[in-house]
């Protein structure tokens, strides 16, 4: 009598080791070529500032009152009616704003009840990655422009 071998579904140890080796090589290569994390930090900071500016404009219209968002480039802080928060470490901030909105070393962007604003520009940068936020004085619209 001859015994026949049953084929059992599964993988051999050698096959599993080969697959694990390939996965390790792929992940190792991905780590070497991963995108610059500084770009992500600048983008996240720009989106947070943009959200703060848009909320301030909406509140000015809703409350029928002037709302100011101030930014202190030296302390890396943003202050709005919702509170004060810190920009990520290392992010360089440059402001262009109306002279009437100077607050010591900080500067502000004022939003009016009709939706307009004092206008201005905020540039955020880190390790060669930049994002520029512009606020139109006529419409009060805030936008991000990446460089």
N, C-alpha and C. Protein backbone atom coordinates (compact mmCIF):
# COMPACT_ATOMS: atom_id res chain seq x y z
N UNK A 1 0.81 -1.19 0.00
CA UNK A 1 0.00 0.00 0.00
C UNK A 1 0.86 1.25 0.00
N UNK A 2 0.46 2.09 -0.82
CA UNK A 2 1.15 3.38 -0.90
C UNK A 2 0.35 4.45 -0.21
N UNK A 3 1.08 5.21 0.57
CA UNK A 3 0.39 6.33 1.22
C UNK A 3 0.55 7.58 0.35
N UNK A 4 -0.50 8.29 0.20
CA UNK A 4 -0.42 9.55 -0.53
C UNK A 4 -0.37 10.69 0.47
N UNK A 5 0.37 11.64 0.11
CA UNK A 5 0.50 12.80 0.99
C UNK A 5 -0.68 13.73 0.81
N UNK A 6 -1.22 14.17 1.91
CA UNK A 6 -2.33 15.12 1.83
C UNK A 6 -1.76 16.52 1.67
N UNK A 7 -2.36 17.27 0.83
CA UNK A 7 -1.95 18.67 0.69
C UNK A 7 -2.72 19.49 1.71
N UNK A 8 -1.98 20.09 2.59
CA UNK A 8 -2.58 20.91 3.64
C UNK A 8 -2.38 22.37 3.26
N UNK A 9 -3.45 23.11 3.39
CA UNK A 9 -3.37 24.54 3.06
C UNK A 9 -2.50 25.24 4.10
N UNK A 10 -1.65 26.17 3.64
CA UNK A 10 -0.79 26.91 4.55
C UNK A 10 0.51 27.26 3.87
N UNK A 11 1.39 27.86 4.64
CA UNK A 11 2.67 28.31 4.13
C UNK A 11 3.79 27.62 4.89
N UNK A 12 4.90 27.44 4.20
CA UNK A 12 6.06 26.87 4.87
C UNK A 12 6.80 27.98 5.61
N UNK A 13 7.64 27.60 6.52
CA UNK A 13 8.43 28.56 7.27
C UNK A 13 9.31 29.38 6.34
N UNK A 14 9.86 28.77 5.35
CA UNK A 14 10.71 29.46 4.38
C UNK A 14 9.93 30.53 3.62
N UNK A 15 8.73 30.21 3.20
CA UNK A 15 7.91 31.20 2.50
C UNK A 15 7.60 32.40 3.39
N UNK A 16 7.29 32.16 4.64
CA UNK A 16 7.01 33.26 5.58
C UNK A 16 8.24 34.13 5.80
N UNK A 17 9.41 33.53 5.91
CA UNK A 17 10.64 34.30 6.10
C UNK A 17 10.95 35.16 4.88
N UNK A 18 10.71 34.64 3.70
CA UNK A 18 10.93 35.43 2.48
C UNK A 18 10.00 36.63 2.43
N UNK A 19 8.74 36.43 2.74
CA UNK A 19 7.76 37.53 2.74
C UNK A 19 8.14 38.57 3.80
N UNK A 20 8.51 38.15 4.98
CA UNK A 20 8.92 39.10 6.02
C UNK A 20 10.17 39.88 5.59
N UNK A 21 11.08 39.23 4.92
CA UNK A 21 12.27 39.93 4.41
C UNK A 21 11.91 41.00 3.39
N UNK A 22 10.99 40.67 2.48
CA UNK A 22 10.55 41.65 1.48
C UNK A 22 9.86 42.84 2.15
N UNK A 23 9.00 42.57 3.12
CA UNK A 23 8.31 43.65 3.84
C UNK A 23 9.32 44.53 4.56
N UNK A 24 10.32 43.95 5.17
CA UNK A 24 11.34 44.75 5.87
C UNK A 24 12.10 45.65 4.90
N UNK A 25 12.42 45.14 3.72
CA UNK A 25 13.12 45.95 2.72
C UNK A 25 12.24 47.11 2.25
N UNK A 26 10.97 46.85 2.00
CA UNK A 26 10.05 47.90 1.54
C UNK A 26 9.91 48.99 2.61
N UNK A 27 9.69 48.62 3.86
CA UNK A 27 9.55 49.62 4.92
C UNK A 27 10.85 50.39 5.14
N UNK A 28 11.95 49.72 5.04
CA UNK A 28 13.24 50.41 5.17
C UNK A 28 13.44 51.45 4.10
N UNK A 29 13.05 51.12 2.88
CA UNK A 29 13.14 52.06 1.77
C UNK A 29 12.18 53.24 1.98
N UNK A 30 11.00 52.98 2.48
CA UNK A 30 10.02 54.04 2.72
C UNK A 30 10.54 55.03 3.76
N UNK A 31 11.22 54.54 4.77
CA UNK A 31 11.77 55.42 5.80
C UNK A 31 12.82 56.34 5.22
N UNK A 32 13.64 55.82 4.32
CA UNK A 32 14.68 56.65 3.70
C UNK A 32 14.11 57.77 2.84
N UNK A 33 12.97 57.51 2.21
CA UNK A 33 12.40 58.48 1.28
C UNK A 33 11.11 59.13 1.79
N UNK A 34 10.88 59.13 3.08
CA UNK A 34 9.65 59.71 3.61
C UNK A 34 9.65 61.22 3.40
N UNK A 35 8.47 61.81 3.25
CA UNK A 35 8.38 63.24 3.02
C UNK A 35 8.82 64.03 4.25
N UNK A 36 9.21 65.25 4.02
CA UNK A 36 9.71 66.12 5.07
C UNK A 36 8.59 66.44 6.07
N UNK A 37 8.82 66.17 7.33
CA UNK A 37 7.82 66.42 8.36
C UNK A 37 7.60 67.90 8.60
N UNK A 38 8.58 68.74 8.27
CA UNK A 38 8.41 70.18 8.49
C UNK A 38 7.29 70.73 7.61
N UNK A 39 7.13 70.19 6.41
CA UNK A 39 6.04 70.63 5.55
C UNK A 39 4.69 70.36 6.17
N UNK A 40 4.55 69.21 6.80
CA UNK A 40 3.30 68.87 7.46
C UNK A 40 3.03 69.78 8.65
N UNK A 41 4.08 70.14 9.38
CA UNK A 41 3.91 71.04 10.53
C UNK A 41 3.48 72.43 10.08
N UNK A 42 4.08 72.92 8.99
CA UNK A 42 3.69 74.24 8.46
C UNK A 42 2.25 74.21 7.96
N UNK A 43 1.88 73.15 7.24
CA UNK A 43 0.52 73.02 6.73
C UNK A 43 -0.50 72.97 7.86
N UNK A 44 -0.20 72.22 8.90
CA UNK A 44 -1.12 72.11 10.03
C UNK A 44 -1.27 73.45 10.74
N UNK A 45 -0.16 74.16 10.92
CA UNK A 45 -0.22 75.48 11.57
C UNK A 45 -1.02 76.46 10.72
N UNK A 46 -0.81 76.42 9.41
CA UNK A 46 -1.53 77.33 8.51
C UNK A 46 -3.03 77.04 8.54
N UNK A 47 -3.41 75.77 8.54
CA UNK A 47 -4.84 75.43 8.60
C UNK A 47 -5.47 75.86 9.93
N UNK A 48 -4.72 75.76 11.01
CA UNK A 48 -5.24 76.18 12.32
C UNK A 48 -5.44 77.69 12.37
N UNK A 49 -4.48 78.44 11.83
CA UNK A 49 -4.61 79.90 11.79
C UNK A 49 -5.77 80.29 10.87
N UNK A 50 -5.88 79.62 9.73
CA UNK A 50 -6.96 79.90 8.79
C UNK A 50 -8.32 79.68 9.45
N UNK A 51 -8.47 78.58 10.17
CA UNK A 51 -9.73 78.29 10.86
C UNK A 51 -10.04 79.37 11.89
N UNK A 52 -9.02 79.84 12.60
CA UNK A 52 -9.21 80.89 13.59
C UNK A 52 -9.68 82.18 12.93
N UNK A 53 -9.07 82.53 11.80
CA UNK A 53 -9.45 83.75 11.09
C UNK A 53 -10.87 83.65 10.54
N UNK A 54 -11.22 82.53 9.96
CA UNK A 54 -12.57 82.36 9.41
C UNK A 54 -13.63 82.37 10.50
N UNK A 55 -13.32 81.77 11.64
CA UNK A 55 -14.26 81.80 12.75
C UNK A 55 -14.44 83.22 13.27
N UNK A 56 -13.36 83.97 13.36
CA UNK A 56 -13.44 85.35 13.84
C UNK A 56 -14.32 86.20 12.91
N UNK A 57 -14.17 86.02 11.61
CA UNK A 57 -15.00 86.76 10.64
C UNK A 57 -16.47 86.39 10.82
N UNK A 58 -16.76 85.10 10.95
CA UNK A 58 -18.14 84.65 11.14
C UNK A 58 -18.73 85.22 12.43
N UNK A 59 -17.94 85.26 13.49
CA UNK A 59 -18.42 85.81 14.76
C UNK A 59 -18.67 87.31 14.67
N UNK A 60 -17.82 88.02 13.93
CA UNK A 60 -18.02 89.46 13.76
C UNK A 60 -19.35 89.73 13.08
N UNK A 61 -19.67 88.94 12.08
CA UNK A 61 -20.95 89.11 11.37
C UNK A 61 -22.11 88.71 12.27
N UNK A 62 -21.98 87.58 12.95
CA UNK A 62 -23.06 87.08 13.80
C UNK A 62 -23.35 88.00 14.98
N UNK A 63 -22.30 88.48 15.63
CA UNK A 63 -22.46 89.31 16.84
C UNK A 63 -22.65 90.79 16.53
N UNK A 64 -22.46 91.15 15.24
CA UNK A 64 -22.52 92.55 14.84
C UNK A 64 -21.54 93.39 15.67
N UNK A 65 -20.31 92.86 15.77
CA UNK A 65 -19.27 93.52 16.55
C UNK A 65 -17.92 93.25 15.90
N UNK A 66 -16.96 94.10 16.19
CA UNK A 66 -15.60 93.91 15.67
C UNK A 66 -14.90 92.81 16.47
N UNK A 67 -14.20 91.95 15.76
CA UNK A 67 -13.45 90.85 16.38
C UNK A 67 -12.01 90.97 15.91
N UNK A 68 -11.06 90.85 16.85
CA UNK A 68 -9.64 90.95 16.51
C UNK A 68 -8.94 89.62 16.80
N UNK A 69 -8.12 89.21 15.85
CA UNK A 69 -7.23 88.07 16.04
C UNK A 69 -5.82 88.65 16.05
N UNK A 70 -5.10 88.45 17.14
CA UNK A 70 -3.74 88.99 17.22
C UNK A 70 -2.73 87.84 17.19
N UNK A 71 -1.60 88.14 16.56
CA UNK A 71 -0.53 87.16 16.43
C UNK A 71 0.76 87.79 16.92
N UNK A 72 1.42 87.11 17.83
CA UNK A 72 2.70 87.58 18.37
C UNK A 72 3.80 86.71 17.78
N UNK A 73 4.58 87.26 16.82
CA UNK A 73 5.61 86.45 16.17
C UNK A 73 6.74 86.03 17.12
N UNK A 74 7.01 86.82 18.13
CA UNK A 74 8.10 86.48 19.05
C UNK A 74 7.70 85.38 20.02
N UNK A 75 6.48 85.45 20.54
CA UNK A 75 6.00 84.44 21.48
C UNK A 75 5.37 83.24 20.77
N UNK A 76 5.19 83.33 19.45
CA UNK A 76 4.57 82.28 18.64
C UNK A 76 3.16 81.96 19.15
N UNK A 77 2.38 83.00 19.43
CA UNK A 77 1.02 82.79 19.93
C UNK A 77 -0.01 83.44 19.02
N UNK A 78 -1.19 82.87 19.04
CA UNK A 78 -2.35 83.41 18.33
C UNK A 78 -3.43 83.61 19.39
N UNK A 79 -4.02 84.81 19.40
CA UNK A 79 -5.05 85.13 20.39
C UNK A 79 -6.32 85.55 19.65
N UNK A 80 -7.42 84.93 20.05
CA UNK A 80 -8.73 85.25 19.47
C UNK A 80 -9.75 85.21 20.60
N UNK A 81 -11.02 85.53 20.31
CA UNK A 81 -12.03 85.45 21.37
C UNK A 81 -12.16 84.04 21.96
N UNK A 82 -11.74 83.00 21.22
CA UNK A 82 -11.82 81.64 21.74
C UNK A 82 -10.69 81.31 22.69
N UNK A 83 -9.67 82.14 22.72
CA UNK A 83 -8.54 81.89 23.62
C UNK A 83 -7.22 82.09 22.93
N UNK A 84 -6.19 81.69 23.63
CA UNK A 84 -4.81 81.86 23.15
C UNK A 84 -4.21 80.48 22.94
N UNK A 85 -3.50 80.31 21.82
CA UNK A 85 -2.85 79.03 21.56
C UNK A 85 -1.48 79.26 20.93
N UNK A 86 -0.65 78.25 21.03
CA UNK A 86 0.75 78.32 20.63
C UNK A 86 0.94 77.71 19.24
N UNK A 87 1.73 78.39 18.40
CA UNK A 87 2.14 77.82 17.12
C UNK A 87 3.21 76.77 17.38
N UNK A 88 3.40 75.81 16.48
CA UNK A 88 4.42 74.77 16.69
C UNK A 88 5.82 75.37 16.83
N UNK A 89 6.66 74.73 17.62
CA UNK A 89 8.03 75.18 17.83
C UNK A 89 8.77 75.25 16.50
N UNK A 90 9.55 76.30 16.34
CA UNK A 90 10.39 76.44 15.16
C UNK A 90 9.72 77.10 13.98
N UNK A 91 8.41 77.28 14.00
CA UNK A 91 7.71 77.91 12.88
C UNK A 91 7.97 79.41 12.92
N UNK A 92 8.53 79.92 11.84
CA UNK A 92 8.84 81.35 11.72
C UNK A 92 7.60 82.08 11.23
N UNK A 93 7.26 83.21 11.88
CA UNK A 93 6.06 83.96 11.55
C UNK A 93 6.43 85.37 11.10
N UNK A 94 5.86 85.80 9.98
CA UNK A 94 6.02 87.16 9.50
C UNK A 94 4.63 87.73 9.24
N UNK A 95 4.40 88.95 9.72
CA UNK A 95 3.08 89.57 9.57
C UNK A 95 3.15 90.83 8.73
N UNK A 96 2.12 91.05 7.95
CA UNK A 96 1.90 92.33 7.27
C UNK A 96 0.46 92.71 7.63
N UNK A 97 0.30 93.86 8.24
CA UNK A 97 -1.02 94.27 8.72
C UNK A 97 -1.10 95.78 8.74
N UNK A 98 -2.30 96.28 8.95
CA UNK A 98 -2.52 97.72 9.02
C UNK A 98 -1.84 98.29 10.26
N UNK A 99 -1.22 99.46 10.11
CA UNK A 99 -0.52 100.10 11.23
C UNK A 99 -1.45 100.31 12.42
N UNK A 100 -2.71 100.55 12.18
CA UNK A 100 -3.66 100.77 13.27
C UNK A 100 -3.87 99.52 14.12
N UNK A 101 -3.44 98.37 13.63
CA UNK A 101 -3.63 97.11 14.37
C UNK A 101 -2.37 96.66 15.09
N UNK A 102 -1.37 97.52 15.20
CA UNK A 102 -0.15 97.18 15.94
C UNK A 102 -0.47 97.12 17.43
N UNK A 103 0.01 96.06 18.07
CA UNK A 103 -0.20 95.85 19.51
C UNK A 103 1.13 95.49 20.14
N UNK A 104 2.01 96.45 20.27
CA UNK A 104 3.36 96.16 20.76
C UNK A 104 4.11 95.38 19.70
N UNK A 105 4.65 94.21 20.06
CA UNK A 105 5.34 93.38 19.07
C UNK A 105 4.34 92.54 18.27
N UNK A 106 3.12 92.43 18.77
CA UNK A 106 2.09 91.65 18.09
C UNK A 106 1.35 92.53 17.09
N UNK A 107 0.71 91.87 16.17
CA UNK A 107 -0.13 92.57 15.20
C UNK A 107 -1.46 91.86 15.11
N UNK A 108 -2.44 92.57 14.60
CA UNK A 108 -3.76 91.97 14.56
C UNK A 108 -4.46 92.13 13.23
N UNK A 109 -5.46 91.32 13.08
CA UNK A 109 -6.36 91.42 11.95
C UNK A 109 -7.76 91.63 12.52
N UNK A 110 -8.38 92.71 12.13
CA UNK A 110 -9.69 93.07 12.67
C UNK A 110 -10.76 92.73 11.64
N UNK A 111 -11.81 92.07 12.13
CA UNK A 111 -12.95 91.73 11.28
C UNK A 111 -14.14 92.58 11.71
N UNK A 112 -14.84 93.13 10.73
CA UNK A 112 -15.95 94.05 10.97
C UNK A 112 -17.29 93.35 10.77
N UNK A 113 -18.36 93.90 11.35
CA UNK A 113 -19.69 93.28 11.25
C UNK A 113 -20.20 93.09 9.81
N UNK A 114 -19.73 93.89 8.88
CA UNK A 114 -20.17 93.75 7.49
C UNK A 114 -19.37 92.70 6.71
N UNK A 115 -18.44 92.01 7.38
CA UNK A 115 -17.65 90.96 6.74
C UNK A 115 -16.29 91.43 6.27
N UNK A 116 -16.08 92.74 6.19
CA UNK A 116 -14.79 93.25 5.78
C UNK A 116 -13.76 93.07 6.90
N UNK A 117 -12.51 93.40 6.58
CA UNK A 117 -11.46 93.28 7.59
C UNK A 117 -10.43 94.37 7.38
N UNK A 118 -9.49 94.44 8.31
CA UNK A 118 -8.38 95.39 8.15
C UNK A 118 -7.39 94.86 7.12
N UNK A 119 -7.50 93.59 6.77
CA UNK A 119 -6.64 92.98 5.76
C UNK A 119 -5.24 92.70 6.28
N UNK A 120 -4.55 91.82 5.60
CA UNK A 120 -3.18 91.52 5.98
C UNK A 120 -2.71 90.20 5.43
N UNK A 121 -1.50 89.88 5.82
CA UNK A 121 -0.86 88.65 5.36
C UNK A 121 -0.05 88.05 6.49
N UNK A 122 -0.10 86.73 6.60
CA UNK A 122 0.65 86.00 7.60
C UNK A 122 1.47 84.94 6.86
N UNK A 123 2.78 84.95 7.05
CA UNK A 123 3.64 83.94 6.43
C UNK A 123 4.18 83.03 7.53
N UNK A 124 4.07 81.74 7.30
CA UNK A 124 4.58 80.74 8.23
C UNK A 124 5.63 79.93 7.49
N UNK A 125 6.77 79.67 8.13
CA UNK A 125 7.82 78.92 7.47
C UNK A 125 8.60 78.06 8.44
N UNK A 126 9.11 76.94 7.92
CA UNK A 126 9.94 76.04 8.70
C UNK A 126 10.78 75.22 7.73
N UNK A 127 12.10 75.31 7.86
CA UNK A 127 13.05 74.51 7.09
C UNK A 127 12.75 74.50 5.58
N UNK A 128 12.55 75.68 5.03
CA UNK A 128 12.34 75.79 3.59
C UNK A 128 10.93 75.56 3.10
N UNK A 129 10.01 75.24 3.98
CA UNK A 129 8.60 75.07 3.62
C UNK A 129 7.84 76.28 4.11
N UNK A 130 6.99 76.85 3.26
CA UNK A 130 6.27 78.07 3.60
C UNK A 130 4.79 77.96 3.25
N UNK A 131 3.99 78.68 4.01
CA UNK A 131 2.57 78.86 3.71
C UNK A 131 2.25 80.32 3.98
N UNK A 132 1.49 80.92 3.09
CA UNK A 132 1.12 82.32 3.25
C UNK A 132 -0.40 82.41 3.33
N UNK A 133 -0.87 83.07 4.38
CA UNK A 133 -2.29 83.30 4.54
C UNK A 133 -2.57 84.76 4.19
N UNK A 134 -3.55 84.97 3.35
CA UNK A 134 -3.92 86.34 3.00
C UNK A 134 -5.35 86.58 3.44
N UNK A 135 -5.59 87.79 3.94
CA UNK A 135 -6.93 88.20 4.34
C UNK A 135 -7.27 89.46 3.56
N UNK A 136 -8.31 89.37 2.74
CA UNK A 136 -8.73 90.50 1.93
C UNK A 136 -9.39 91.57 2.80
N UNK A 137 -9.01 92.81 2.63
CA UNK A 137 -9.63 93.88 3.41
C UNK A 137 -11.06 94.12 2.94
N UNK A 138 -11.34 93.90 1.66
CA UNK A 138 -12.66 94.19 1.13
C UNK A 138 -13.70 93.13 1.50
N UNK A 139 -13.32 91.87 1.37
CA UNK A 139 -14.29 90.79 1.63
C UNK A 139 -14.07 90.10 2.98
N UNK A 140 -12.88 90.26 3.55
CA UNK A 140 -12.57 89.57 4.81
C UNK A 140 -12.26 88.10 4.62
N UNK A 141 -12.23 87.65 3.37
CA UNK A 141 -11.96 86.24 3.08
C UNK A 141 -10.50 85.90 3.38
N UNK A 142 -10.29 84.80 4.07
CA UNK A 142 -8.94 84.31 4.39
C UNK A 142 -8.65 83.09 3.53
N UNK A 143 -7.42 83.05 2.96
CA UNK A 143 -7.01 81.93 2.10
C UNK A 143 -5.57 81.54 2.41
N UNK A 144 -5.22 80.31 2.06
CA UNK A 144 -3.85 79.82 2.19
C UNK A 144 -3.27 79.71 0.78
N UNK A 145 -2.04 80.19 0.65
CA UNK A 145 -1.29 80.03 -0.60
C UNK A 145 0.04 79.39 -0.22
N UNK A 146 0.33 78.23 -0.80
CA UNK A 146 1.57 77.53 -0.49
C UNK A 146 2.65 77.95 -1.47
N UNK A 147 3.86 78.11 -0.96
CA UNK A 147 5.01 78.45 -1.81
C UNK A 147 5.81 77.23 -2.10
